[in-house]
Amino acid sequence: MAQEEITLKLKAEEVNIILEGVGNLPFVKVYNLIGKIQSQASTQLNAENSSPEIRGDEASNVVSEG
């Protein structure tokens, strides 16, 4: 059974909250997920450069957490 992908629109602050919660789980279970979130966030933030919803200081938090 193929897993379907979904797209979520979240503010950087919301993503950081999710990463904080996921970070409390065992690393072996979540490291791929954290890497995937960080990679996608970094790609989007670099493409948008300076979105009105995401400030530069918030952007660095998203890609620097782990």
C-alpha atoms as a PDB file:
ATOM      1  CA  MET A   1       0.000   0.000   0.000  1.00  0.00           C
ATOM      2  CA  ALA A   2       1.526   3.307  -1.114  1.00  0.00           C
ATOM      3  CA  GLN A   3       1.540   6.076   1.452  1.00  0.00           C
ATOM      4  CA  GLU A   4      -0.101   9.275   0.313  1.00  0.00           C
ATOM      5  CA  GLU A   5       1.652  12.573   0.890  1.00  0.00           C
ATOM      6  CA  ILE A   6      -0.176  15.564   2.304  1.00  0.00           C
ATOM      7  CA  THR A   7       0.714  19.240   2.213  1.00  0.00           C
ATOM      8  CA  LEU A   8       0.304  21.432   5.285  1.00  0.00           C
ATOM      9  CA  LYS A   9       0.570  25.201   5.476  1.00  0.00           C
ATOM     10  CA  LEU A  10       2.008  26.224   8.824  1.00  0.00           C
ATOM     11  CA  LYS A  11       3.781  29.251  10.192  1.00  0.00           C
ATOM     12  CA  ALA A  12       7.409  28.830  11.223  1.00  0.00           C
ATOM     13  CA  GLU A  13       6.406  29.137  14.889  1.00  0.00           C
ATOM     14  CA  GLU A  14       3.946  26.254  14.485  1.00  0.00           C
ATOM     15  CA  VAL A  15       6.563  24.071  12.803  1.00  0.00           C
ATOM     16  CA  ASN A  16       8.971  24.802  15.645  1.00  0.00           C
ATOM     17  CA  ILE A  17       6.336  23.657  18.171  1.00  0.00           C
ATOM     18  CA  ILE A  18       5.881  20.421  16.242  1.00  0.00           C
ATOM     19  CA  LEU A  19       9.650  19.892  16.094  1.00  0.00           C
ATOM     20  CA  GLU A  20       9.906  20.543  19.821  1.00  0.00           C
ATOM     21  CA  GLY A  21       7.280  17.897  20.541  1.00  0.00           C
ATOM     22  CA  VAL A  22       8.769  15.388  18.115  1.00  0.00           C
ATOM     23  CA  GLY A  23      12.184  16.072  19.640  1.00  0.00           C
ATOM     24  CA  ASN A  24      10.952  14.529  22.897  1.00  0.00           C
ATOM     25  CA  LEU A  25      10.484  11.158  21.181  1.00  0.00           C
ATOM     26  CA  PRO A  26      13.301   8.618  20.785  1.00  0.00           C
ATOM     27  CA  PHE A  27      15.794   9.875  18.199  1.00  0.00           C
ATOM     28  CA  VAL A  28      15.820   6.618  16.260  1.00  0.00           C
ATOM     29  CA  LYS A  29      12.090   7.020  15.569  1.00  0.00           C
ATOM     30  CA  VAL A  30      12.113  10.669  14.496  1.00  0.00           C
ATOM     31  CA  TYR A  31      15.447  11.643  12.964  1.00  0.00           C
ATOM     32  CA  ASN A  32      14.267  11.011   9.379  1.00  0.00           C
ATOM     33  CA  LEU A  33      11.088  13.008   9.991  1.00  0.00           C
ATOM     34  CA  ILE A  34      12.997  15.931  11.515  1.00  0.00           C
ATOM     35  CA  GLY A  35      15.429  15.937   8.593  1.00  0.00           C
ATOM     36  CA  LYS A  36      12.560  15.904   6.108  1.00  0.00           C
ATOM     37  CA  ILE A  37      10.800  18.819   7.842  1.00  0.00           C
ATOM     38  CA  GLN A  38      14.013  20.841   8.008  1.00  0.00           C
ATOM     39  CA  SER A  39      14.864  20.163   4.377  1.00  0.00           C
ATOM     40  CA  GLN A  40      11.435  21.164   3.093  1.00  0.00           C
ATOM     41  CA  ALA A  41      11.300  24.240   5.329  1.00  0.00           C
ATOM     42  CA  SER A  42      14.738  25.353   4.199  1.00  0.00           C
ATOM     43  CA  THR A  43      13.829  24.915   0.534  1.00  0.00           C
ATOM     44  CA  GLN A  44      10.605  26.882   0.925  1.00  0.00           C
ATOM     45  CA  LEU A  45      12.137  29.656   3.002  1.00  0.00           C
ATOM     46  CA  ASN A  46      14.988  30.111   0.540  1.00  0.00           C
ATOM     47  CA  ALA A  47      12.518  30.234  -2.373  1.00  0.00           C
ATOM     48  CA  GLU A  48      10.239  32.740  -0.661  1.00  0.00           C
ATOM     49  CA  ASN A  49      13.190  34.760   0.650  1.00  0.00           C
ATOM     50  CA  SER A  50      11.120  36.967   2.961  1.00  0.00           C
ATOM     51  CA  SER A  51       7.502  35.890   3.238  1.00  0.00           C
ATOM     52  CA  PRO A  52       5.218  38.246   5.183  1.00  0.00           C
ATOM     53  CA  GLU A  53       4.239  35.291   7.411  1.00  0.00           C
ATOM     54  CA  ILE A  54       7.790  34.123   8.152  1.00  0.00           C
ATOM     55  CA  ARG A  55      10.414  36.537   9.423  1.00  0.00           C
ATOM     56  CA  GLY A  56      14.105  35.850   9.021  1.00  0.00           C
ATOM     57  CA  ASP A  57      14.611  35.101  12.722  1.00  0.00           C
ATOM     58  CA  GLU A  58      11.804  32.520  12.631  1.00  0.00           C
ATOM     59  CA  ALA A  59      13.236  30.933   9.491  1.00  0.00           C
ATOM     60  CA  SER A  60      16.576  30.266  11.157  1.00  0.00           C
ATOM     61  CA  ASN A  61      14.806  28.539  14.052  1.00  0.00           C
ATOM     62  CA  VAL A  62      13.023  26.120  11.738  1.00  0.00           C
ATOM     63  CA  VAL A  63      16.144  24.955   9.963  1.00  0.00           C
ATOM     64  CA  SER A  64      18.434  24.974  12.974  1.00  0.00           C
ATOM     65  CA  GLU A  65      16.436  22.801  15.372  1.00  0.00           C
ATOM     66  CA  GLY A  66      17.119  19.112  15.493  1.00  0.00           C
END
